[in-house]
Amino acid sequence: MAKRGKPGGRGSRPTAGVVEVPRGTRPDGPVEGVYYIDTGDCELIADQDNSTGWLLKINGVMSSHIDLADPLFLDFEYMRWMAALIESRWPPSGASSGPKLRGLHLGGGACSLARYFHAAYPDARQVVVELDGKLAEYVRGWFDLPKAPLLRLRVGEARDVTETLTADTRDFIIRDVFAGAVTPRPLTTAEFTRHVKRVLAPGGVYVVNSGDAPDLKNAREDAATIAASFKHTVIIADPAMLKGRRYGNMVMAGSDTPFGDDPKLHRRLLGGAVPAHLWDDAQVRAFAAGAPVRHDPPATPSIAP
């Protein structure tokens, strides 16, 4: 699961063993070690099973995997499910004449999915929103990401950035933001989801990584909130997760255009290392029945002097 550790204060001193590189310094490719970033520290680890693979931990929590030789290789199962869902709607051609998608990634990490979609859709225009400026700087240097305008890294808070974007300008929006084990609540409410829907173009898809414990309380509330904003929804997860037998990830998606019943998508989900099932809109709404839709807290009235 791609999760973010708890934020630390800016300007705090790095812990023992942490490498602090001055801002503006471009790393010369990935080098194993623990690095001081704006929100704490991150650790770069060589993949022992893949000579060109790298793992990224943020504040002690596994966040991302990158294969420098193959951007189409996604090590994390939930990322493969996200890619399969988007490719089901917009089949890639592998050529410059393919779909010219416009994507927004809320949560950067190592930009694994952004690299993937750049390889699958060479003409795609993507923006990755990353809270941690120093981490974004490292990742740009370590992993030789595509340059703007194909891929822009925008430093900022995901909700703040989303609220500033022009309506009908993104084909897909992916939410993969964690602080510790949970997504920050401001990114899970009906009010935020309405901003996402405003930014999506007709036929666009909102895809989220919803992590949860076996009680599935968080997942049900996520599903209820997405279903309240979009006409059509799906959930992708492995059977054990759907039955509440373990902690893990569910991929949820909402759209105002039907997802359809794509046999190729079902086969692709079942053929992975962790076979996954896809729930249609009726199953998602049954799963979310009785769960509250999340809302922003009421505004505190100002007190006149």
C-alpha atoms as a PDB file:
ATOM      1  CA  MET A   1       0.000   0.000   0.000  1.00  0.00           C
ATOM      2  CA  ALA A   2       1.321   3.433  -0.844  1.00  0.00           C
ATOM      3  CA  LYS A   3       1.036   5.415   2.347  1.00  0.00           C
ATOM      4  CA  ARG A   4       2.616   8.525   3.684  1.00  0.00           C
ATOM      5  CA  GLY A   5       4.132   8.800   7.121  1.00  0.00           C
ATOM      6  CA  LYS A   6       3.084  11.497   9.517  1.00  0.00           C
ATOM      7  CA  PRO A   7       4.200  14.969   8.501  1.00  0.00           C
ATOM      8  CA  GLY A   8       7.021  16.555  10.419  1.00  0.00           C
ATOM      9  CA  GLY A   9       7.667  20.205  10.999  1.00  0.00           C
ATOM     10  CA  ARG A  10       9.532  22.116   8.364  1.00  0.00           C
ATOM     11  CA  GLY A  11      12.961  23.141   9.475  1.00  0.00           C
ATOM     12  CA  SER A  12      13.281  20.373  12.081  1.00  0.00           C
ATOM     13  CA  ARG A  13      16.708  18.816  12.352  1.00  0.00           C
ATOM     14  CA  PRO A  14      17.333  15.554  10.475  1.00  0.00           C
ATOM     15  CA  THR A  15      17.650  12.390  12.511  1.00  0.00           C
ATOM     16  CA  ALA A  16      20.871  10.431  12.773  1.00  0.00           C
ATOM     17  CA  GLY A  17      21.923   8.830   9.510  1.00  0.00           C
ATOM     18  CA  VAL A  18      19.793  11.115   7.362  1.00  0.00           C
ATOM     19  CA  VAL A  19      21.476  12.754   4.396  1.00  0.00           C
ATOM     20  CA  GLU A  20      20.564  16.413   3.986  1.00  0.00           C
ATOM     21  CA  VAL A  21      21.115  17.748   0.464  1.00  0.00           C
ATOM     22  CA  PRO A  22      20.761  21.505  -0.099  1.00  0.00           C
ATOM     23  CA  ARG A  23      17.687  22.566  -2.073  1.00  0.00           C
ATOM     24  CA  GLY A  24      18.504  23.010  -5.733  1.00  0.00           C
ATOM     25  CA  THR A  25      21.019  20.150  -5.757  1.00  0.00           C
ATOM     26  CA  ARG A  26      20.138  17.573  -8.402  1.00  0.00           C
ATOM     27  CA  PRO A  27      20.883  13.994  -7.293  1.00  0.00           C
ATOM     28  CA  ASP A  28      22.938  12.088  -9.841  1.00  0.00           C
ATOM     29  CA  GLY A  29      20.647   9.075 -10.097  1.00  0.00           C
ATOM     30  CA  PRO A  30      19.344   6.929  -7.247  1.00  0.00           C
ATOM     31  CA  VAL A  31      21.689   6.090  -4.380  1.00  0.00           C
ATOM     32  CA  GLU A  32      20.611   3.977  -1.432  1.00  0.00           C
ATOM     33  CA  GLY A  33      20.192   5.916   1.774  1.00  0.00           C
ATOM     34  CA  VAL A  34      17.896   7.852   4.064  1.00  0.00           C
ATOM     35  CA  TYR A  35      17.284  11.446   3.012  1.00  0.00           C
ATOM     36  CA  TYR A  36      15.944  14.447   4.893  1.00  0.00           C
ATOM     37  CA  ILE A  37      12.826  15.912   3.248  1.00  0.00           C
ATOM     38  CA  ASP A  38      10.389  18.678   4.171  1.00  0.00           C
ATOM     39  CA  THR A  39       7.948  16.366   5.966  1.00  0.00           C
ATOM     40  CA  GLY A  40      10.437  14.062   7.693  1.00  0.00           C
ATOM     41  CA  ASP A  41      12.649  11.589   5.885  1.00  0.00           C
ATOM     42  CA  CYS A  42      12.540   9.139   3.006  1.00  0.00           C
ATOM     43  CA  GLU A  43      14.579   6.028   2.332  1.00  0.00           C
ATOM     44  CA  LEU A  44      15.679   4.785  -1.070  1.00  0.00           C
ATOM     45  CA  ILE A  45      16.202   1.003  -1.196  1.00  0.00           C
ATOM     46  CA  ALA A  46      17.571  -1.085  -4.057  1.00  0.00           C
ATOM     47  CA  ASP A  47      15.187  -3.888  -5.020  1.00  0.00           C
ATOM     48  CA  GLN A  48      17.020  -7.130  -4.232  1.00  0.00           C
ATOM     49  CA  ASP A  49      14.864  -9.053  -6.726  1.00  0.00           C
ATOM     50  CA  ASN A  50      15.215  -6.589  -9.600  1.00  0.00           C
ATOM     51  CA  SER A  51      18.537  -5.052 -10.605  1.00  0.00           C
ATOM     52  CA  THR A  52      16.822  -1.951 -12.031  1.00  0.00           C
ATOM     53  CA  GLY A  53      14.165  -1.629  -9.341  1.00  0.00           C
ATOM     54  CA  TRP A  54      13.983   0.842  -6.454  1.00  0.00           C
ATOM     55  CA  LEU A  55      11.708   1.076  -3.435  1.00  0.00           C
ATOM     56  CA  LEU A  56      10.840   4.349  -1.727  1.00  0.00           C
ATOM     57  CA  LYS A  57       9.844   4.609   1.927  1.00  0.00           C
ATOM     58  CA  ILE A  58       8.480   7.836   3.363  1.00  0.00           C
ATOM     59  CA  ASN A  59       8.685   8.287   7.130  1.00  0.00           C
ATOM     60  CA  GLY A  60       9.185   4.551   7.519  1.00  0.00           C
ATOM     61  CA  VAL A  61       6.175   3.527   5.412  1.00  0.00           C
ATOM     62  CA  MET A  62       6.520   1.857   2.000  1.00  0.00           C
ATOM     63  CA  SER A  63       5.315   4.314  -0.638  1.00  0.00           C
ATOM     64  CA  SER A  64       6.415   3.425  -4.172  1.00  0.00           C
ATOM     65  CA  HIS A  65       8.362   1.150  -6.478  1.00  0.00           C
ATOM     66  CA  ILE A  66      10.136   2.170  -9.677  1.00  0.00           C
ATOM     67  CA  ASP A  67      11.735   0.021 -12.375  1.00  0.00           C
ATOM     68  CA  LEU A  68      14.190   2.297 -14.171  1.00  0.00           C
ATOM     69  CA  ALA A  69      14.362  -0.033 -17.183  1.00  0.00           C
ATOM     70  CA  ASP A  70      10.624  -0.615 -17.593  1.00  0.00           C
ATOM     71  CA  PRO A  71       8.113   2.124 -16.737  1.00  0.00           C
ATOM     72  CA  LEU A  72       5.287  -0.264 -17.665  1.00  0.00           C
ATOM     73  CA  PHE A  73       6.181  -2.552 -14.763  1.00  0.00           C
ATOM     74  CA  LEU A  74       4.087  -1.782 -11.673  1.00  0.00           C
ATOM     75  CA  ASP A  75       5.125  -3.728  -8.602  1.00  0.00           C
ATOM     76  CA  PHE A  76       2.182  -2.676  -6.414  1.00  0.00           C
ATOM     77  CA  GLU A  77      -0.960  -4.637  -7.196  1.00  0.00           C
ATOM     78  CA  TYR A  78      -3.403  -1.785  -6.568  1.00  0.00           C
ATOM     79  CA  MET A  79      -1.537   0.379  -9.110  1.00  0.00           C
ATOM     80  CA  ARG A  80      -1.958  -2.364 -11.706  1.00  0.00           C
ATOM     81  CA  TRP A  81      -5.703  -2.362 -10.984  1.00  0.00           C
ATOM     82  CA  MET A  82      -5.863   1.411 -11.474  1.00  0.00           C
ATOM     83  CA  ALA A  83      -3.959   1.173 -14.748  1.00  0.00           C
ATOM     84  CA  ALA A  84      -6.199  -1.636 -15.979  1.00  0.00           C
ATOM     85  CA  LEU A  85      -9.347   0.336 -15.204  1.00  0.00           C
ATOM     86  CA  ILE A  86      -8.185   3.457 -17.054  1.00  0.00           C
ATOM     87  CA  GLU A  87      -6.900   1.446 -20.013  1.00  0.00           C
ATOM     88  CA  SER A  88     -10.262  -0.309 -20.218  1.00  0.00           C
ATOM     89  CA  ARG A  89     -11.922   3.052 -20.873  1.00  0.00           C
ATOM     90  CA  TRP A  90      -9.171   4.453 -23.111  1.00  0.00           C
ATOM     91  CA  PRO A  91      -7.322   1.561 -24.784  1.00  0.00           C
ATOM     92  CA  PRO A  92      -3.731   2.686 -25.440  1.00  0.00           C
ATOM     93  CA  SER A  93      -2.369   2.377 -28.950  1.00  0.00           C
ATOM     94  CA  GLY A  94       1.308   2.609 -28.044  1.00  0.00           C
ATOM     95  CA  ALA A  95       1.782   5.333 -30.661  1.00  0.00           C
ATOM     96  CA  SER A  96       1.618   9.105 -30.748  1.00  0.00           C
ATOM     97  CA  SER A  97      -1.794   8.843 -32.417  1.00  0.00           C
ATOM     98  CA  GLY A  98      -3.270   7.293 -29.276  1.00  0.00           C
ATOM     99  CA  PRO A  99      -5.539   8.961 -26.719  1.00  0.00           C
ATOM    100  CA  LYS A 100      -4.194  12.345 -25.608  1.00  0.00           C
ATOM    101  CA  LEU A 101      -5.276  11.966 -22.016  1.00  0.00           C
ATOM    102  CA  ARG A 102      -5.084  14.684 -19.376  1.00  0.00           C
ATOM    103  CA  GLY A 103      -4.334  13.248 -15.951  1.00  0.00           C
ATOM    104  CA  LEU A 104      -4.068  14.596 -12.420  1.00  0.00           C
ATOM    105  CA  HIS A 105      -2.318  12.607  -9.703  1.00  0.00           C
ATOM    106  CA  LEU A 106      -3.024  13.672  -6.132  1.00  0.00           C
ATOM    107  CA  GLY A 107      -0.074  12.269  -4.223  1.00  0.00           C
ATOM    108  CA  GLY A 108       3.295  11.901  -5.891  1.00  0.00           C
ATOM    109  CA  GLY A 109       5.654   9.501  -4.170  1.00  0.00           C
ATOM    110  CA  ALA A 110       7.989   8.187  -6.851  1.00  0.00           C
ATOM    111  CA  CYS A 111       5.501   8.991  -9.653  1.00  0.00           C
ATOM    112  CA  SER A 112       5.163   5.299 -10.562  1.00  0.00           C
ATOM    113  CA  LEU A 113       1.753   5.628 -12.213  1.00  0.00           C
ATOM    114  CA  ALA A 114       2.647   8.867 -13.970  1.00  0.00           C
ATOM    115  CA  ARG A 115       5.674   7.125 -15.548  1.00  0.00           C
ATOM    116  CA  TYR A 116       3.447   4.221 -16.516  1.00  0.00           C
ATOM    117  CA  PHE A 117       0.840   6.375 -18.231  1.00  0.00           C
ATOM    118  CA  HIS A 118       3.533   8.354 -20.041  1.00  0.00           C
ATOM    119  CA  ALA A 119       4.802   5.080 -21.525  1.00  0.00           C
ATOM    120  CA  ALA A 120       1.286   3.821 -22.331  1.00  0.00           C
ATOM    121  CA  TYR A 121       0.025   7.170 -23.670  1.00  0.00           C
ATOM    122  CA  PRO A 122       3.027   9.101 -25.071  1.00  0.00           C
ATOM    123  CA  ASP A 123       0.944  12.217 -25.773  1.00  0.00           C
ATOM    124  CA  ALA A 124      -0.671  12.348 -22.334  1.00  0.00           C
ATOM    125  CA  ARG A 125      -0.355  15.533 -20.305  1.00  0.00           C
ATOM    126  CA  GLN A 126      -0.094  14.840 -16.586  1.00  0.00           C
ATOM    127  CA  VAL A 127       0.258  16.861 -13.392  1.00  0.00           C
ATOM    128  CA  VAL A 128       1.461  15.274 -10.164  1.00  0.00           C
ATOM    129  CA  VAL A 129       0.647  17.154  -6.964  1.00  0.00           C
ATOM    130  CA  GLU A 130       3.147  16.459  -4.194  1.00  0.00           C
ATOM    131  CA  LEU A 131       3.037  18.099  -0.773  1.00  0.00           C
ATOM    132  CA  ASP A 132       6.756  17.696  -0.106  1.00  0.00           C
ATOM    133  CA  GLY A 133       8.891  19.979  -2.274  1.00  0.00           C
ATOM    134  CA  LYS A 134      12.189  18.377  -1.384  1.00  0.00           C
ATOM    135  CA  LEU A 135      10.851  14.904  -2.112  1.00  0.00           C
ATOM    136  CA  ALA A 136       9.613  16.094  -5.522  1.00  0.00           C
ATOM    137  CA  GLU A 137      13.095  17.448  -6.222  1.00  0.00           C
ATOM    138  CA  TYR A 138      14.731  14.146  -5.303  1.00  0.00           C
ATOM    139  CA  VAL A 139      12.293  12.069  -7.342  1.00  0.00           C
ATOM    140  CA  ARG A 140      12.771  14.245 -10.430  1.00  0.00           C
ATOM    141  CA  GLY A 141      16.523  13.683 -10.192  1.00  0.00           C
ATOM    142  CA  TRP A 142      16.537  10.020  -9.208  1.00  0.00           C
ATOM    143  CA  PHE A 143      14.100   8.637 -11.732  1.00  0.00           C
ATOM    144  CA  ASP A 144      14.572  10.796 -14.861  1.00  0.00           C
ATOM    145  CA  LEU A 145      10.896  11.661 -15.180  1.00  0.00           C
ATOM    146  CA  PRO A 146       9.422  13.073 -18.397  1.00  0.00           C
ATOM    147  CA  LYS A 147       9.748  16.841 -18.644  1.00  0.00           C
ATOM    148  CA  ALA A 148       6.962  19.424 -18.775  1.00  0.00           C
ATOM    149  CA  PRO A 149       4.520  19.740 -20.448  1.00  0.00           C
ATOM    150  CA  LEU A 150       4.242  15.947 -20.579  1.00  0.00           C
ATOM    151  CA  LEU A 151       4.651  15.642 -16.820  1.00  0.00           C
ATOM    152  CA  ARG A 152       4.553  18.524 -14.375  1.00  0.00           C
ATOM    153  CA  LEU A 153       5.343  18.171 -10.680  1.00  0.00           C
ATOM    154  CA  ARG A 154       3.390  20.747  -8.720  1.00  0.00           C
ATOM    155  CA  VAL A 155       4.277  21.231  -5.076  1.00  0.00           C
ATOM    156  CA  GLY A 156       1.232  21.929  -2.960  1.00  0.00           C
ATOM    157  CA  GLU A 157      -1.586  20.531  -0.861  1.00  0.00           C
ATOM    158  CA  ALA A 158      -3.834  18.296  -2.965  1.00  0.00           C
ATOM    159  CA  ARG A 159      -7.138  19.901  -2.044  1.00  0.00           C
ATOM    160  CA  ASP A 160      -5.860  23.463  -2.416  1.00  0.00           C
ATOM    161  CA  VAL A 161      -4.532  22.696  -5.892  1.00  0.00           C
ATOM    162  CA  THR A 162      -7.676  20.856  -7.002  1.00  0.00           C
ATOM    163  CA  GLU A 163      -9.900  23.747  -5.974  1.00  0.00           C
ATOM    164  CA  THR A 164      -7.923  26.127  -8.214  1.00  0.00           C
ATOM    165  CA  LEU A 165      -8.149  24.026 -11.385  1.00  0.00           C
ATOM    166  CA  THR A 166     -10.335  24.927 -14.358  1.00  0.00           C
ATOM    167  CA  ALA A 167     -13.507  22.899 -14.908  1.00  0.00           C
ATOM    168  CA  ASP A 168     -13.616  20.095 -17.500  1.00  0.00           C
ATOM    169  CA  THR A 169      -9.836  19.886 -17.883  1.00  0.00           C
ATOM    170  CA  ARG A 170      -8.904  16.358 -16.749  1.00  0.00           C
ATOM    171  CA  ASP A 171      -9.823  12.946 -18.134  1.00  0.00           C
ATOM    172  CA  PHE A 172      -8.774  11.094 -15.010  1.00  0.00           C
ATOM    173  CA  ILE A 173      -7.930  12.085 -11.450  1.00  0.00           C
ATOM    174  CA  ILE A 174      -6.179   9.647  -9.118  1.00  0.00           C
ATOM    175  CA  ARG A 175      -6.224  10.137  -5.355  1.00  0.00           C
ATOM    176  CA  ASP A 176      -3.407   8.242  -3.632  1.00  0.00           C
ATOM    177  CA  VAL A 177      -2.613  10.370  -0.591  1.00  0.00           C
ATOM    178  CA  PHE A 178      -1.903   8.985   2.864  1.00  0.00           C
ATOM    179  CA  ALA A 179      -0.769  10.397   6.184  1.00  0.00           C
ATOM    180  CA  GLY A 180       0.207   7.307   8.118  1.00  0.00           C
ATOM    181  CA  ALA A 181      -2.482   4.699   7.467  1.00  0.00           C
ATOM    182  CA  VAL A 182      -5.300   7.023   6.391  1.00  0.00           C
ATOM    183  CA  THR A 183      -6.103   9.536   3.691  1.00  0.00           C
ATOM    184  CA  PRO A 184      -6.430  13.051   5.170  1.00  0.00           C
ATOM    185  CA  ARG A 185     -10.124  13.673   5.762  1.00  0.00           C
ATOM    186  CA  PRO A 186     -10.306  16.895   3.685  1.00  0.00           C
ATOM    187  CA  LEU A 187      -9.573  14.728   0.623  1.00  0.00           C
ATOM    188  CA  THR A 188     -12.418  12.307   1.365  1.00  0.00           C
ATOM    189  CA  THR A 189     -15.468  14.546   1.788  1.00  0.00           C
ATOM    190  CA  ALA A 190     -18.436  15.171  -0.479  1.00  0.00           C
ATOM    191  CA  GLU A 191     -17.365  18.799  -0.837  1.00  0.00           C
ATOM    192  CA  PHE A 192     -13.930  17.812  -2.115  1.00  0.00           C
ATOM    193  CA  THR A 193     -15.408  15.137  -4.384  1.00  0.00           C
ATOM    194  CA  ARG A 194     -17.610  17.779  -5.976  1.00  0.00           C
ATOM    195  CA  HIS A 195     -14.480  19.798  -6.792  1.00  0.00           C
ATOM    196  CA  VAL A 196     -13.013  16.681  -8.407  1.00  0.00           C
ATOM    197  CA  LYS A 197     -16.173  16.176 -10.443  1.00  0.00           C
ATOM    198  CA  ARG A 198     -16.081  19.814 -11.567  1.00  0.00           C
ATOM    199  CA  VAL A 199     -12.505  19.435 -12.818  1.00  0.00           C
ATOM    200  CA  LEU A 200     -13.208  16.187 -14.698  1.00  0.00           C
ATOM    201  CA  ALA A 201     -14.153  16.425 -18.362  1.00  0.00           C
ATOM    202  CA  PRO A 202     -17.295  14.628 -19.598  1.00  0.00           C
ATOM    203  CA  GLY A 203     -16.621  10.899 -19.458  1.00  0.00           C
ATOM    204  CA  GLY A 204     -13.831  11.438 -16.929  1.00  0.00           C
ATOM    205  CA  VAL A 205     -12.977   8.993 -14.140  1.00  0.00           C
ATOM    206  CA  TYR A 206     -12.102   9.603 -10.487  1.00  0.00           C
ATOM    207  CA  VAL A 207      -9.995   6.756  -9.065  1.00  0.00           C
ATOM    208  CA  VAL A 208      -9.000   6.452  -5.396  1.00  0.00           C
ATOM    209  CA  ASN A 209      -6.812   4.177  -3.320  1.00  0.00           C
ATOM    210  CA  SER A 210      -8.864   3.398  -0.223  1.00  0.00           C
ATOM    211  CA  GLY A 211      -6.923   1.636   2.520  1.00  0.00           C
ATOM    212  CA  ASP A 212      -8.758  -0.001   5.379  1.00  0.00           C
ATOM    213  CA  ALA A 213      -8.775  -2.470   8.247  1.00  0.00           C
ATOM    214  CA  PRO A 214     -10.967  -5.609   8.259  1.00  0.00           C
ATOM    215  CA  ASP A 215     -13.987  -3.708   9.645  1.00  0.00           C
ATOM    216  CA  LEU A 216     -14.130  -1.845   6.269  1.00  0.00           C
ATOM    217  CA  LYS A 217     -15.641   1.228   7.936  1.00  0.00           C
ATOM    218  CA  ASN A 218     -13.404   3.625   6.035  1.00  0.00           C
ATOM    219  CA  ALA A 219     -13.997   1.836   2.727  1.00  0.00           C
ATOM    220  CA  ARG A 220     -17.779   1.943   3.160  1.00  0.00           C
ATOM    221  CA  GLU A 221     -17.681   5.672   3.874  1.00  0.00           C
ATOM    222  CA  ASP A 222     -15.387   6.261   0.897  1.00  0.00           C
ATOM    223  CA  ALA A 223     -17.777   4.299  -1.310  1.00  0.00           C
ATOM    224  CA  ALA A 224     -20.834   6.122   0.033  1.00  0.00           C
ATOM    225  CA  THR A 225     -19.222   9.515  -0.578  1.00  0.00           C
ATOM    226  CA  ILE A 226     -18.134   8.706  -4.132  1.00  0.00           C
ATOM    227  CA  ALA A 227     -21.516   7.155  -4.949  1.00  0.00           C
ATOM    228  CA  ALA A 228     -23.270  10.297  -3.729  1.00  0.00           C
ATOM    229  CA  SER A 229     -21.445  12.385  -6.353  1.00  0.00           C
ATOM    230  CA  PHE A 230     -21.197  10.063  -9.351  1.00  0.00           C
ATOM    231  CA  LYS A 231     -23.849   8.136 -11.274  1.00  0.00           C
ATOM    232  CA  HIS A 232     -21.635   5.099 -11.816  1.00  0.00           C
ATOM    233  CA  THR A 233     -19.141   3.433  -9.489  1.00  0.00           C
ATOM    234  CA  VAL A 234     -16.934   0.351  -9.283  1.00  0.00           C
ATOM    235  CA  ILE A 235     -14.689  -1.269  -6.691  1.00  0.00           C
ATOM    236  CA  ILE A 236     -11.674  -3.478  -7.418  1.00  0.00           C
ATOM    237  CA  ALA A 237     -10.107  -5.592  -4.668  1.00  0.00           C
ATOM    238  CA  ASP A 238      -9.063  -9.130  -3.901  1.00  0.00           C
ATOM    239  CA  PRO A 239     -11.688 -11.438  -2.321  1.00  0.00           C
ATOM    240  CA  ALA A 240     -10.079 -11.457   1.130  1.00  0.00           C
ATOM    241  CA  MET A 241     -10.226  -7.667   1.268  1.00  0.00           C
ATOM    242  CA  LEU A 242     -13.809  -7.554   0.022  1.00  0.00           C
ATOM    243  CA  LYS A 243     -14.810 -10.004   2.758  1.00  0.00           C
ATOM    244  CA  GLY A 244     -13.073  -8.009   5.499  1.00  0.00           C
ATOM    245  CA  ARG A 245     -10.443 -10.623   6.280  1.00  0.00           C
ATOM    246  CA  ARG A 246      -7.352  -8.431   6.209  1.00  0.00           C
ATOM    247  CA  TYR A 247      -5.945  -4.931   6.098  1.00  0.00           C
ATOM    248  CA  GLY A 248      -5.284  -3.709   2.558  1.00  0.00           C
ATOM    249  CA  ASN A 249      -6.347  -1.661  -0.440  1.00  0.00           C
ATOM    250  CA  MET A 250      -9.506  -1.197  -2.428  1.00  0.00           C
ATOM    251  CA  VAL A 251      -9.509   0.719  -5.683  1.00  0.00           C
ATOM    252  CA  MET A 252     -12.710   2.720  -6.086  1.00  0.00           C
ATOM    253  CA  ALA A 253     -13.817   4.771  -9.048  1.00  0.00           C
ATOM    254  CA  GLY A 254     -16.645   7.101  -9.949  1.00  0.00           C
ATOM    255  CA  SER A 255     -17.847   8.494 -13.268  1.00  0.00           C
ATOM    256  CA  ASP A 256     -20.970   9.906 -14.832  1.00  0.00           C
ATOM    257  CA  THR A 257     -20.403   7.588 -17.809  1.00  0.00           C
ATOM    258  CA  PRO A 258     -21.052   3.839 -17.353  1.00  0.00           C
ATOM    259  CA  PHE A 259     -17.978   1.684 -16.885  1.00  0.00           C
ATOM    260  CA  GLY A 260     -19.480  -1.086 -18.978  1.00  0.00           C
ATOM    261  CA  ASP A 261     -18.714  -4.786 -18.748  1.00  0.00           C
ATOM    262  CA  ASP A 262     -15.292  -5.307 -20.310  1.00  0.00           C
ATOM    263  CA  PRO A 263     -14.334  -9.032 -20.402  1.00  0.00           C
ATOM    264  CA  LYS A 264     -10.707  -8.089 -21.026  1.00  0.00           C
ATOM    265  CA  LEU A 265     -10.665  -6.051 -17.822  1.00  0.00           C
ATOM    266  CA  HIS A 266     -12.081  -8.944 -15.804  1.00  0.00           C
ATOM    267  CA  ARG A 267      -9.498 -11.340 -17.230  1.00  0.00           C
ATOM    268  CA  ARG A 268      -6.693  -8.902 -16.556  1.00  0.00           C
ATOM    269  CA  LEU A 269      -7.750  -8.429 -12.933  1.00  0.00           C
ATOM    270  CA  LEU A 270      -8.057 -12.166 -12.368  1.00  0.00           C
ATOM    271  CA  GLY A 271      -4.721 -12.878 -14.033  1.00  0.00           C
ATOM    272  CA  GLY A 272      -2.532 -10.882 -11.666  1.00  0.00           C
ATOM    273  CA  ALA A 273      -0.362 -12.202  -8.870  1.00  0.00           C
ATOM    274  CA  VAL A 274      -3.220 -11.262  -6.519  1.00  0.00           C
ATOM    275  CA  PRO A 275      -6.460 -12.032  -8.429  1.00  0.00           C
ATOM    276  CA  ALA A 276      -9.009  -9.254  -7.981  1.00  0.00           C
ATOM    277  CA  HIS A 277     -12.760  -8.987  -8.421  1.00  0.00           C
ATOM    278  CA  LEU A 278     -14.654  -6.017  -9.819  1.00  0.00           C
ATOM    279  CA  TRP A 279     -17.900  -4.923  -8.193  1.00  0.00           C
ATOM    280  CA  ASP A 280     -20.374  -3.053 -10.367  1.00  0.00           C
ATOM    281  CA  ASP A 281     -22.430  -0.037  -9.337  1.00  0.00           C
ATOM    282  CA  ALA A 282     -25.215  -2.053  -7.705  1.00  0.00           C
ATOM    283  CA  GLN A 283     -22.717  -4.009  -5.597  1.00  0.00           C
ATOM    284  CA  VAL A 284     -20.882  -0.840  -4.587  1.00  0.00           C
ATOM    285  CA  ARG A 285     -24.090   0.855  -3.449  1.00  0.00           C
ATOM    286  CA  ALA A 286     -25.149  -2.249  -1.530  1.00  0.00           C
ATOM    287  CA  PHE A 287     -21.715  -2.306   0.137  1.00  0.00           C
ATOM    288  CA  ALA A 288     -22.037   1.381   1.078  1.00  0.00           C
ATOM    289  CA  ALA A 289     -25.663   1.165   2.272  1.00  0.00           C
ATOM    290  CA  GLY A 290     -26.039   2.731   5.716  1.00  0.00           C
ATOM    291  CA  ALA A 291     -22.552   4.264   5.729  1.00  0.00           C
ATOM    292  CA  PRO A 292     -22.476   8.039   6.204  1.00  0.00           C
ATOM    293  CA  VAL A 293     -21.383  10.378   3.444  1.00  0.00           C
ATOM    294  CA  ARG A 294     -18.427  12.374   4.732  1.00  0.00           C
ATOM    295  CA  HIS A 295     -18.702  16.163   4.875  1.00  0.00           C
ATOM    296  CA  ASP A 296     -16.428  19.062   5.722  1.00  0.00           C
ATOM    297  CA  PRO A 297     -16.859  20.304   9.271  1.00  0.00           C
ATOM    298  CA  PRO A 298     -19.199  23.295   9.558  1.00  0.00           C
ATOM    299  CA  ALA A 299     -17.475  26.636   9.297  1.00  0.00           C
ATOM    300  CA  THR A 300     -16.799  28.300  12.617  1.00  0.00           C
ATOM    301  CA  PRO A 301     -18.574  31.679  12.725  1.00  0.00           C
ATOM    302  CA  SER A 302     -16.281  34.613  13.225  1.00  0.00           C
ATOM    303  CA  ILE A 303     -16.742  36.712  16.346  1.00  0.00           C
ATOM    304  CA  ALA A 304     -16.846  40.434  15.795  1.00  0.00           C
ATOM    305  CA  PRO A 305     -14.481  42.420  18.017  1.00  0.00           C
END
